[in-house]
Amino acid sequence: MTEQSDLEKIVLTRLIRLNAIVSGIVTGLISGGILFIATIWLVIKGGEVVGPHLALLGQFFAGYRVTYFGSVVGFFYGFITGFIIGFTVAILYNWLLRVKKAP
């Protein structure tokens, strides 16, 4: 019975921990995709002034504009920013998990 209990503990420990790289990639793809789609949407929509609020991201992301090329640049910056956030959250989560389990 203790052998099964030990196996369950190992499985739960492996299931609970987050893979920081995978978490960063997924978060990066989602945030980059959202910025890409939002930019393309505004470019296709058109108008006299295209996306003045979204264009403010150009203050933080060098080279970003609300254009077709800017959507690719925005995807790159969104991916990098999302990766850093997802990676950091996973690392902090795993660290807090270790702190909680420490005797």
PDB file of N, CA and C in Angstrom:
ATOM      1  N   MET A   1       0.822  -1.208   0.000  1.00  0.00           N
ATOM      2  CA  MET A   1       0.000   0.000   0.000  1.00  0.00           C
ATOM      3  C   MET A   1       0.861   1.264   0.000  1.00  0.00           C
ATOM      4  N   THR A   2       1.987   1.255   0.716  1.00  0.00           N
ATOM      5  CA  THR A   2       2.837   2.443   0.748  1.00  0.00           C
ATOM      6  C   THR A   2       3.517   2.674  -0.597  1.00  0.00           C
ATOM      7  N   GLU A   3       3.772   1.589  -1.335  1.00  0.00           N
ATOM      8  CA  GLU A   3       4.388   1.732  -2.653  1.00  0.00           C
ATOM      9  C   GLU A   3       3.471   2.497  -3.601  1.00  0.00           C
ATOM     10  N   GLN A   4       2.170   2.216  -3.528  1.00  0.00           N
ATOM     11  CA  GLN A   4       1.205   2.925  -4.368  1.00  0.00           C
ATOM     12  C   GLN A   4       1.090   4.375  -3.917  1.00  0.00           C
ATOM     13  N   SER A   5       1.128   4.605  -2.630  1.00  0.00           N
ATOM     14  CA  SER A   5       1.043   5.962  -2.104  1.00  0.00           C
ATOM     15  C   SER A   5       2.242   6.791  -2.557  1.00  0.00           C
ATOM     16  N   ASP A   6       3.445   6.188  -2.530  1.00  0.00           N
ATOM     17  CA  ASP A   6       4.642   6.888  -2.993  1.00  0.00           C
ATOM     18  C   ASP A   6       4.542   7.212  -4.480  1.00  0.00           C
ATOM     19  N   LEU A   7       4.028   6.279  -5.261  1.00  0.00           N
ATOM     20  CA  LEU A   7       3.863   6.500  -6.686  1.00  0.00           C
ATOM     21  C   LEU A   7       2.873   7.637  -6.943  1.00  0.00           C
ATOM     22  N   GLU A   8       1.786   7.696  -6.192  1.00  0.00           N
ATOM     23  CA  GLU A   8       0.807   8.771  -6.341  1.00  0.00           C
ATOM     24  C   GLU A   8       1.429  10.126  -6.025  1.00  0.00           C
ATOM     25  N   LYS A   9       2.267  10.180  -4.992  1.00  0.00           N
ATOM     26  CA  LYS A   9       2.930  11.430  -4.645  1.00  0.00           C
ATOM     27  C   LYS A   9       3.844  11.900  -5.771  1.00  0.00           C
ATOM     28  N   ILE A  10       4.580  10.968  -6.364  1.00  0.00           N
ATOM     29  CA  ILE A  10       5.483  11.319  -7.465  1.00  0.00           C
ATOM     30  C   ILE A  10       4.691  11.838  -8.657  1.00  0.00           C
ATOM     31  N   VAL A  11       3.602  11.157  -8.982  1.00  0.00           N
ATOM     32  CA  VAL A  11       2.787  11.567 -10.128  1.00  0.00           C
ATOM     33  C   VAL A  11       2.182  12.943  -9.880  1.00  0.00           C
ATOM     34  N   LEU A  12       1.644  13.169  -8.684  1.00  0.00           N
ATOM     35  CA  LEU A  12       1.056  14.479  -8.381  1.00  0.00           C
ATOM     36  C   LEU A  12       2.092  15.587  -8.414  1.00  0.00           C
ATOM     37  N   THR A  13       3.288  15.301  -7.926  1.00  0.00           N
ATOM     38  CA  THR A  13       4.352  16.303  -7.951  1.00  0.00           C
ATOM     39  C   THR A  13       4.708  16.671  -9.382  1.00  0.00           C
ATOM     40  N   ARG A  14       4.782  15.696 -10.259  1.00  0.00           N
ATOM     41  CA  ARG A  14       5.106  15.959 -11.662  1.00  0.00           C
ATOM     42  C   ARG A  14       3.962  16.669 -12.378  1.00  0.00           C
ATOM     43  N   LEU A  15       2.736  16.392 -12.013  1.00  0.00           N
ATOM     44  CA  LEU A  15       1.599  17.013 -12.673  1.00  0.00           C
ATOM     45  C   LEU A  15       1.402  18.462 -12.237  1.00  0.00           C
ATOM     46  N   ILE A  16       1.753  18.751 -11.018  1.00  0.00           N
ATOM     47  CA  ILE A  16       1.479  20.077 -10.484  1.00  0.00           C
ATOM     48  C   ILE A  16       2.487  21.114 -11.000  1.00  0.00           C
ATOM     49  N   ARG A  17       3.733  20.728 -11.207  1.00  0.00           N
ATOM     50  CA  ARG A  17       4.746  21.685 -11.645  1.00  0.00           C
ATOM     51  C   ARG A  17       4.493  22.126 -13.078  1.00  0.00           C
ATOM     52  N   LEU A  18       4.772  23.382 -13.336  1.00  0.00           N
ATOM     53  CA  LEU A  18       4.606  23.936 -14.672  1.00  0.00           C
ATOM     54  C   LEU A  18       5.945  23.945 -15.405  1.00  0.00           C
ATOM     55  N   ASN A  19       5.907  23.662 -16.680  1.00  0.00           N
ATOM     56  CA  ASN A  19       7.094  23.768 -17.505  1.00  0.00           C
ATOM     57  C   ASN A  19       7.202  25.234 -17.937  1.00  0.00           C
ATOM     58  N   ALA A  20       8.242  25.897 -17.484  1.00  0.00           N
ATOM     59  CA  ALA A  20       8.378  27.336 -17.712  1.00  0.00           C
ATOM     60  C   ALA A  20       8.535  27.674 -19.195  1.00  0.00           C
ATOM     61  N   ILE A  21       9.275  26.864 -19.930  1.00  0.00           N
ATOM     62  CA  ILE A  21       9.482  27.139 -21.356  1.00  0.00           C
ATOM     63  C   ILE A  21       8.167  27.025 -22.122  1.00  0.00           C
ATOM     64  N   VAL A  22       7.438  25.942 -21.874  1.00  0.00           N
ATOM     65  CA  VAL A  22       6.159  25.740 -22.576  1.00  0.00           C
ATOM     66  C   VAL A  22       5.168  26.826 -22.190  1.00  0.00           C
ATOM     67  N   SER A  23       5.124  27.165 -20.921  1.00  0.00           N
ATOM     68  CA  SER A  23       4.224  28.220 -20.466  1.00  0.00           C
ATOM     69  C   SER A  23       4.569  29.551 -21.133  1.00  0.00           C
ATOM     70  N   GLY A  24       5.844  29.851 -21.249  1.00  0.00           N
ATOM     71  CA  GLY A  24       6.275  31.082 -21.904  1.00  0.00           C
ATOM     72  C   GLY A  24       5.929  31.104 -23.381  1.00  0.00           C
ATOM     73  N   ILE A  25       6.132  29.976 -24.062  1.00  0.00           N
ATOM     74  CA  ILE A  25       5.828  29.914 -25.497  1.00  0.00           C
ATOM     75  C   ILE A  25       4.331  30.082 -25.743  1.00  0.00           C
ATOM     76  N   VAL A  26       3.517  29.395 -24.951  1.00  0.00           N
ATOM     77  CA  VAL A  26       2.062  29.489 -25.141  1.00  0.00           C
ATOM     78  C   VAL A  26       1.572  30.899 -24.858  1.00  0.00           C
ATOM     79  N   THR A  27       2.032  31.491 -23.765  1.00  0.00           N
ATOM     80  CA  THR A  27       1.623  32.853 -23.438  1.00  0.00           C
ATOM     81  C   THR A  27       2.115  33.832 -24.506  1.00  0.00           C
ATOM     82  N   GLY A  28       3.320  33.617 -24.996  1.00  0.00           N
ATOM     83  CA  GLY A  28       3.861  34.472 -26.049  1.00  0.00           C
ATOM     84  C   GLY A  28       3.075  34.380 -27.345  1.00  0.00           C
ATOM     85  N   LEU A  29       2.715  33.154 -27.736  1.00  0.00           N
ATOM     86  CA  LEU A  29       1.930  32.991 -28.961  1.00  0.00           C
ATOM     87  C   LEU A  29       0.557  33.637 -28.841  1.00  0.00           C
ATOM     88  N   ILE A  30      -0.053  33.502 -27.682  1.00  0.00           N
ATOM     89  CA  ILE A  30      -1.381  34.105 -27.493  1.00  0.00           C
ATOM     90  C   ILE A  30      -1.293  35.626 -27.508  1.00  0.00           C
ATOM     91  N   SER A  31      -0.352  36.201 -26.747  1.00  0.00           N
ATOM     92  CA  SER A  31      -0.274  37.666 -26.701  1.00  0.00           C
ATOM     93  C   SER A  31       0.201  38.240 -28.038  1.00  0.00           C
ATOM     94  N   GLY A  32       1.142  37.581 -28.697  1.00  0.00           N
ATOM     95  CA  GLY A  32       1.572  38.037 -30.019  1.00  0.00           C
ATOM     96  C   GLY A  32       0.454  37.933 -31.037  1.00  0.00           C
ATOM     97  N   GLY A  33      -0.308  36.847 -30.966  1.00  0.00           N
ATOM     98  CA  GLY A  33      -1.438  36.664 -31.875  1.00  0.00           C
ATOM     99  C   GLY A  33      -2.519  37.707 -31.679  1.00  0.00           C
ATOM    100  N   ILE A  34      -2.781  38.041 -30.430  1.00  0.00           N
ATOM    101  CA  ILE A  34      -3.798  39.062 -30.144  1.00  0.00           C
ATOM    102  C   ILE A  34      -3.367  40.412 -30.713  1.00  0.00           C
ATOM    103  N   LEU A  35      -2.104  40.786 -30.508  1.00  0.00           N
ATOM    104  CA  LEU A  35      -1.622  42.061 -31.029  1.00  0.00           C
ATOM    105  C   LEU A  35      -1.608  42.058 -32.562  1.00  0.00           C
ATOM    106  N   PHE A  36      -1.226  40.937 -33.164  1.00  0.00           N
ATOM    107  CA  PHE A  36      -1.228  40.804 -34.622  1.00  0.00           C
ATOM    108  C   PHE A  36      -2.644  40.967 -35.178  1.00  0.00           C
ATOM    109  N   ILE A  37      -3.597  40.249 -34.603  1.00  0.00           N
ATOM    110  CA  ILE A  37      -4.989  40.296 -35.084  1.00  0.00           C
ATOM    111  C   ILE A  37      -5.591  41.683 -34.878  1.00  0.00           C
ATOM    112  N   ALA A  38      -5.321  42.291 -33.723  1.00  0.00           N
ATOM    113  CA  ALA A  38      -5.865  43.627 -33.463  1.00  0.00           C
ATOM    114  C   ALA A  38      -5.326  44.640 -34.469  1.00  0.00           C
ATOM    115  N   THR A  39      -4.043  44.542 -34.785  1.00  0.00           N
ATOM    116  CA  THR A  39      -3.446  45.470 -35.747  1.00  0.00           C
ATOM    117  C   THR A  39      -4.010  45.250 -37.146  1.00  0.00           C
ATOM    118  N   ILE A  40      -4.061  44.001 -37.580  1.00  0.00           N
ATOM    119  CA  ILE A  40      -4.603  43.692 -38.907  1.00  0.00           C
ATOM    120  C   ILE A  40      -6.058  44.134 -39.008  1.00  0.00           C
ATOM    121  N   TRP A  41      -6.819  43.912 -37.954  1.00  0.00           N
ATOM    122  CA  TRP A  41      -8.237  44.311 -37.937  1.00  0.00           C
ATOM    123  C   TRP A  41      -8.371  45.814 -38.183  1.00  0.00           C
ATOM    124  N   LEU A  42      -7.557  46.600 -37.501  1.00  0.00           N
ATOM    125  CA  LEU A  42      -7.629  48.047 -37.667  1.00  0.00           C
ATOM    126  C   LEU A  42      -7.145  48.494 -39.044  1.00  0.00           C
ATOM    127  N   VAL A  43      -6.142  47.818 -39.586  1.00  0.00           N
ATOM    128  CA  VAL A  43      -5.645  48.169 -40.913  1.00  0.00           C
ATOM    129  C   VAL A  43      -6.710  47.876 -41.965  1.00  0.00           C
ATOM    130  N   ILE A  44      -7.352  46.724 -41.859  1.00  0.00           N
ATOM    131  CA  ILE A  44      -8.404  46.367 -42.815  1.00  0.00           C
ATOM    132  C   ILE A  44      -9.597  47.300 -42.680  1.00  0.00           C
ATOM    133  N   LYS A  45      -9.942  47.642 -41.437  1.00  0.00           N
ATOM    134  CA  LYS A  45     -11.067  48.546 -41.178  1.00  0.00           C
ATOM    135  C   LYS A  45     -10.817  49.901 -41.813  1.00  0.00           C
ATOM    136  N   GLY A  46      -9.580  50.395 -41.712  1.00  0.00           N
ATOM    137  CA  GLY A  46      -9.188  51.654 -42.350  1.00  0.00           C
ATOM    138  C   GLY A  46      -9.814  52.872 -41.692  1.00  0.00           C
ATOM    139  N   GLY A  47      -9.836  53.955 -42.430  1.00  0.00           N
ATOM    140  CA  GLY A  47     -10.375  55.213 -41.929  1.00  0.00           C
ATOM    141  C   GLY A  47      -9.315  56.298 -42.010  1.00  0.00           C
ATOM    142  N   GLU A  48      -9.726  57.510 -41.618  1.00  0.00           N
ATOM    143  CA  GLU A  48      -8.785  58.629 -41.643  1.00  0.00           C
ATOM    144  C   GLU A  48      -7.643  58.416 -40.654  1.00  0.00           C
ATOM    145  N   VAL A  49      -7.996  58.138 -39.411  1.00  0.00           N
ATOM    146  CA  VAL A  49      -7.005  57.878 -38.374  1.00  0.00           C
ATOM    147  C   VAL A  49      -7.165  56.416 -37.974  1.00  0.00           C
ATOM    148  N   VAL A  50      -6.132  55.633 -38.205  1.00  0.00           N
ATOM    149  CA  VAL A  50      -6.220  54.197 -37.956  1.00  0.00           C
ATOM    150  C   VAL A  50      -5.591  53.870 -36.605  1.00  0.00           C
ATOM    151  N   GLY A  51      -6.409  53.442 -35.662  1.00  0.00           N
ATOM    152  CA  GLY A  51      -5.938  52.933 -34.384  1.00  0.00           C
ATOM    153  C   GLY A  51      -5.045  53.846 -33.574  1.00  0.00           C
ATOM    154  N   PRO A  52      -5.516  55.037 -33.181  1.00  0.00           N
ATOM    155  CA  PRO A  52      -4.633  55.931 -32.436  1.00  0.00           C
ATOM    156  C   PRO A  52      -4.217  55.367 -31.072  1.00  0.00           C
ATOM    157  N   HIS A  53      -5.097  54.616 -30.440  1.00  0.00           N
ATOM    158  CA  HIS A  53      -4.754  54.060 -29.127  1.00  0.00           C
ATOM    159  C   HIS A  53      -3.736  52.926 -29.256  1.00  0.00           C
ATOM    160  N   LEU A  54      -3.932  52.066 -30.231  1.00  0.00           N
ATOM    161  CA  LEU A  54      -2.991  50.969 -30.446  1.00  0.00           C
ATOM    162  C   LEU A  54      -1.650  51.493 -30.935  1.00  0.00           C
ATOM    163  N   ALA A  55      -1.663  52.604 -31.646  1.00  0.00           N
ATOM    164  CA  ALA A  55      -0.420  53.194 -32.138  1.00  0.00           C
ATOM    165  C   ALA A  55       0.474  53.671 -30.999  1.00  0.00           C
ATOM    166  N   LEU A  56      -0.101  53.887 -29.827  1.00  0.00           N
ATOM    167  CA  LEU A  56       0.699  54.312 -28.678  1.00  0.00           C
ATOM    168  C   LEU A  56       1.692  53.236 -28.238  1.00  0.00           C
ATOM    169  N   LEU A  57       1.459  51.985 -28.637  1.00  0.00           N
ATOM    170  CA  LEU A  57       2.428  50.936 -28.331  1.00  0.00           C
ATOM    171  C   LEU A  57       3.773  51.197 -28.993  1.00  0.00           C
ATOM    172  N   GLY A  58       3.772  52.015 -30.038  1.00  0.00           N
ATOM    173  CA  GLY A  58       5.019  52.398 -30.689  1.00  0.00           C
ATOM    174  C   GLY A  58       5.962  53.132 -29.749  1.00  0.00           C
ATOM    175  N   GLN A  59       5.435  53.703 -28.680  1.00  0.00           N
ATOM    176  CA  GLN A  59       6.272  54.364 -27.675  1.00  0.00           C
ATOM    177  C   GLN A  59       7.119  53.350 -26.912  1.00  0.00           C
ATOM    178  N   PHE A  60       6.601  52.119 -26.769  1.00  0.00           N
ATOM    179  CA  PHE A  60       7.298  51.077 -26.019  1.00  0.00           C
ATOM    180  C   PHE A  60       7.987  50.072 -26.929  1.00  0.00           C
ATOM    181  N   PHE A  61       7.378  49.783 -28.084  1.00  0.00           N
ATOM    182  CA  PHE A  61       7.907  48.803 -29.022  1.00  0.00           C
ATOM    183  C   PHE A  61       8.454  49.536 -30.242  1.00  0.00           C
ATOM    184  N   ALA A  62       9.770  49.652 -30.315  1.00  0.00           N
ATOM    185  CA  ALA A  62      10.407  50.380 -31.414  1.00  0.00           C
ATOM    186  C   ALA A  62      10.053  49.740 -32.760  1.00  0.00           C
ATOM    187  N   GLY A  63       9.595  50.542 -33.690  1.00  0.00           N
ATOM    188  CA  GLY A  63       9.265  50.059 -35.023  1.00  0.00           C
ATOM    189  C   GLY A  63       7.819  49.628 -35.199  1.00  0.00           C
ATOM    190  N   TYR A  64       7.048  49.623 -34.123  1.00  0.00           N
ATOM    191  CA  TYR A  64       5.646  49.199 -34.236  1.00  0.00           C
ATOM    192  C   TYR A  64       4.795  50.355 -34.755  1.00  0.00           C
ATOM    193  N   ARG A  65       4.008  50.071 -35.763  1.00  0.00           N
ATOM    194  CA  ARG A  65       3.027  51.013 -36.316  1.00  0.00           C
ATOM    195  C   ARG A  65       1.784  50.218 -36.659  1.00  0.00           C
ATOM    196  N   VAL A  66       0.674  50.877 -36.825  1.00  0.00           N
ATOM    197  CA  VAL A  66      -0.566  50.203 -37.204  1.00  0.00           C
ATOM    198  C   VAL A  66      -0.578  50.082 -38.728  1.00  0.00           C
ATOM    199  N   THR A  67       0.226  49.129 -39.227  1.00  0.00           N
ATOM    200  CA  THR A  67       0.329  48.813 -40.653  1.00  0.00           C
ATOM    201  C   THR A  67       0.467  47.292 -40.778  1.00  0.00           C
ATOM    202  N   TYR A  68       0.500  46.816 -42.024  1.00  0.00           N
ATOM    203  CA  TYR A  68       0.690  45.379 -42.232  1.00  0.00           C
ATOM    204  C   TYR A  68       2.046  44.924 -41.691  1.00  0.00           C
ATOM    205  N   PHE A  69       3.093  45.672 -42.005  1.00  0.00           N
ATOM    206  CA  PHE A  69       4.414  45.336 -41.478  1.00  0.00           C
ATOM    207  C   PHE A  69       4.452  45.493 -39.959  1.00  0.00           C
ATOM    208  N   GLY A  70       3.763  46.509 -39.457  1.00  0.00           N
ATOM    209  CA  GLY A  70       3.694  46.726 -38.012  1.00  0.00           C
ATOM    210  C   GLY A  70       3.026  45.588 -37.281  1.00  0.00           C
ATOM    211  N   SER A  71       2.106  44.883 -37.947  1.00  0.00           N
ATOM    212  CA  SER A  71       1.461  43.739 -37.301  1.00  0.00           C
ATOM    213  C   SER A  71       2.457  42.613 -37.060  1.00  0.00           C
ATOM    214  N   VAL A  72       3.408  42.442 -37.990  1.00  0.00           N
ATOM    215  CA  VAL A  72       4.446  41.423 -37.807  1.00  0.00           C
ATOM    216  C   VAL A  72       5.400  41.837 -36.691  1.00  0.00           C
ATOM    217  N   VAL A  73       5.768  43.097 -36.687  1.00  0.00           N
ATOM    218  CA  VAL A  73       6.617  43.625 -35.610  1.00  0.00           C
ATOM    219  C   VAL A  73       5.895  43.496 -34.275  1.00  0.00           C
ATOM    220  N   GLY A  74       4.596  43.800 -34.265  1.00  0.00           N
ATOM    221  CA  GLY A  74       3.798  43.677 -33.052  1.00  0.00           C
ATOM    222  C   GLY A  74       3.706  42.240 -32.575  1.00  0.00           C
ATOM    223  N   PHE A  75       3.597  41.282 -33.507  1.00  0.00           N
ATOM    224  CA  PHE A  75       3.585  39.871 -33.118  1.00  0.00           C
ATOM    225  C   PHE A  75       4.893  39.503 -32.433  1.00  0.00           C
ATOM    226  N   PHE A  76       6.003  39.966 -32.990  1.00  0.00           N
ATOM    227  CA  PHE A  76       7.311  39.677 -32.401  1.00  0.00           C
ATOM    228  C   PHE A  76       7.408  40.239 -30.978  1.00  0.00           C
ATOM    229  N   TYR A  77       7.056  41.516 -30.827  1.00  0.00           N
ATOM    230  CA  TYR A  77       7.120  42.126 -29.497  1.00  0.00           C
ATOM    231  C   TYR A  77       6.113  41.489 -28.535  1.00  0.00           C
ATOM    232  N   GLY A  78       4.927  41.180 -29.025  1.00  0.00           N
ATOM    233  CA  GLY A  78       3.931  40.517 -28.186  1.00  0.00           C
ATOM    234  C   GLY A  78       4.397  39.153 -27.735  1.00  0.00           C
ATOM    235  N   PHE A  79       5.060  38.417 -28.640  1.00  0.00           N
ATOM    236  CA  PHE A  79       5.569  37.096 -28.282  1.00  0.00           C
ATOM    237  C   PHE A  79       6.651  37.212 -27.211  1.00  0.00           C
ATOM    238  N   ILE A  80       7.585  38.128 -27.401  1.00  0.00           N
ATOM    239  CA  ILE A  80       8.677  38.293 -26.423  1.00  0.00           C
ATOM    240  C   ILE A  80       8.122  38.699 -25.060  1.00  0.00           C
ATOM    241  N   THR A  81       7.221  39.666 -25.050  1.00  0.00           N
ATOM    242  CA  THR A  81       6.634  40.125 -23.789  1.00  0.00           C
ATOM    243  C   THR A  81       5.831  39.009 -23.130  1.00  0.00           C
ATOM    244  N   GLY A  82       5.016  38.310 -23.903  1.00  0.00           N
ATOM    245  CA  GLY A  82       4.227  37.203 -23.370  1.00  0.00           C
ATOM    246  C   GLY A  82       5.093  36.074 -22.868  1.00  0.00           C
ATOM    247  N   PHE A  83       6.181  35.784 -23.591  1.00  0.00           N
ATOM    248  CA  PHE A  83       7.090  34.725 -23.152  1.00  0.00           C
ATOM    249  C   PHE A  83       7.690  35.064 -21.797  1.00  0.00           C
ATOM    250  N   ILE A  84       8.145  36.289 -21.646  1.00  0.00           N
ATOM    251  CA  ILE A  84       8.757  36.700 -20.371  1.00  0.00           C
ATOM    252  C   ILE A  84       7.740  36.601 -19.243  1.00  0.00           C
ATOM    253  N   ILE A  85       6.513  37.037 -19.482  1.00  0.00           N
ATOM    254  CA  ILE A  85       5.477  36.979 -18.443  1.00  0.00           C
ATOM    255  C   ILE A  85       5.128  35.534 -18.109  1.00  0.00           C
ATOM    256  N   GLY A  86       4.890  34.707 -19.124  1.00  0.00           N
ATOM    257  CA  GLY A  86       4.537  33.308 -18.887  1.00  0.00           C
ATOM    258  C   GLY A  86       5.649  32.539 -18.199  1.00  0.00           C
ATOM    259  N   PHE A  87       6.879  32.769 -18.622  1.00  0.00           N
ATOM    260  CA  PHE A  87       8.043  32.110 -18.025  1.00  0.00           C
ATOM    261  C   PHE A  87       8.178  32.506 -16.555  1.00  0.00           C
ATOM    262  N   THR A  88       8.055  33.801 -16.283  1.00  0.00           N
ATOM    263  CA  THR A  88       8.185  34.296 -14.904  1.00  0.00           C
ATOM    264  C   THR A  88       7.093  33.753 -14.002  1.00  0.00           C
ATOM    265  N   VAL A  89       5.861  33.731 -14.489  1.00  0.00           N
ATOM    266  CA  VAL A  89       4.754  33.209 -13.685  1.00  0.00           C
ATOM    267  C   VAL A  89       4.977  31.730 -13.367  1.00  0.00           C
ATOM    268  N   ALA A  90       5.422  30.956 -14.340  1.00  0.00           N
ATOM    269  CA  ALA A  90       5.655  29.526 -14.106  1.00  0.00           C
ATOM    270  C   ALA A  90       6.792  29.311 -13.105  1.00  0.00           C
ATOM    271  N   ILE A  91       7.862  30.084 -13.225  1.00  0.00           N
ATOM    272  CA  ILE A  91       8.985  29.965 -12.283  1.00  0.00           C
ATOM    273  C   ILE A  91       8.532  30.319 -10.866  1.00  0.00           C
ATOM    274  N   LEU A  92       7.791  31.419 -10.728  1.00  0.00           N
ATOM    275  CA  LEU A  92       7.297  31.816  -9.403  1.00  0.00           C
ATOM    276  C   LEU A  92       6.332  30.790  -8.833  1.00  0.00           C
ATOM    277  N   TYR A  93       5.465  30.244  -9.675  1.00  0.00           N
ATOM    278  CA  TYR A  93       4.517  29.223  -9.230  1.00  0.00           C
ATOM    279  C   TYR A  93       5.265  27.986  -8.727  1.00  0.00           C
ATOM    280  N   ASN A  94       6.249  27.523  -9.473  1.00  0.00           N
ATOM    281  CA  ASN A  94       7.021  26.352  -9.051  1.00  0.00           C
ATOM    282  C   ASN A  94       7.802  26.634  -7.778  1.00  0.00           C
ATOM    283  N   TRP A  95       8.338  27.839  -7.659  1.00  0.00           N
ATOM    284  CA  TRP A  95       9.071  28.202  -6.443  1.00  0.00           C
ATOM    285  C   TRP A  95       8.145  28.216  -5.238  1.00  0.00           C
ATOM    286  N   LEU A  96       6.960  28.812  -5.392  1.00  0.00           N
ATOM    287  CA  LEU A  96       6.010  28.831  -4.282  1.00  0.00           C
ATOM    288  C   LEU A  96       5.540  27.422  -3.924  1.00  0.00           C
ATOM    289  N   LEU A  97       5.438  26.555  -4.905  1.00  0.00           N
ATOM    290  CA  LEU A  97       5.061  25.173  -4.663  1.00  0.00           C
ATOM    291  C   LEU A  97       6.126  24.474  -3.831  1.00  0.00           C
ATOM    292  N   ARG A  98       7.400  24.720  -4.142  1.00  0.00           N
ATOM    293  CA  ARG A  98       8.488  24.122  -3.358  1.00  0.00           C
ATOM    294  C   ARG A  98       8.502  24.679  -1.950  1.00  0.00           C
ATOM    295  N   VAL A  99       8.271  25.976  -1.805  1.00  0.00           N
ATOM    296  CA  VAL A  99       8.280  26.592  -0.469  1.00  0.00           C
ATOM    297  C   VAL A  99       7.146  26.008   0.373  1.00  0.00           C
ATOM    298  N   LYS A 100       6.005  25.814  -0.234  1.00  0.00           N
ATOM    299  CA  LYS A 100       4.844  25.274   0.485  1.00  0.00           C
ATOM    300  C   LYS A 100       5.083  23.837   0.925  1.00  0.00           C
ATOM    301  N   LYS A 101       5.768  23.042   0.103  1.00  0.00           N
ATOM    302  CA  LYS A 101       5.984  21.631   0.422  1.00  0.00           C
ATOM    303  C   LYS A 101       7.171  21.414   1.355  1.00  0.00           C
ATOM    304  N   ALA A 102       8.002  22.437   1.560  1.00  0.00           N
ATOM    305  CA  ALA A 102       9.173  22.272   2.423  1.00  0.00           C
ATOM    306  C   ALA A 102       8.715  22.050   3.864  1.00  0.00           C
ATOM    307  N   PRO A 103       9.362  21.100   4.549  1.00  0.00           N
ATOM    308  CA  PRO A 103       8.962  20.821   5.947  1.00  0.00           C
ATOM    309  C   PRO A 103       9.353  21.899   6.914  1.00  0.00           C
TER     310      PRO A 103
END
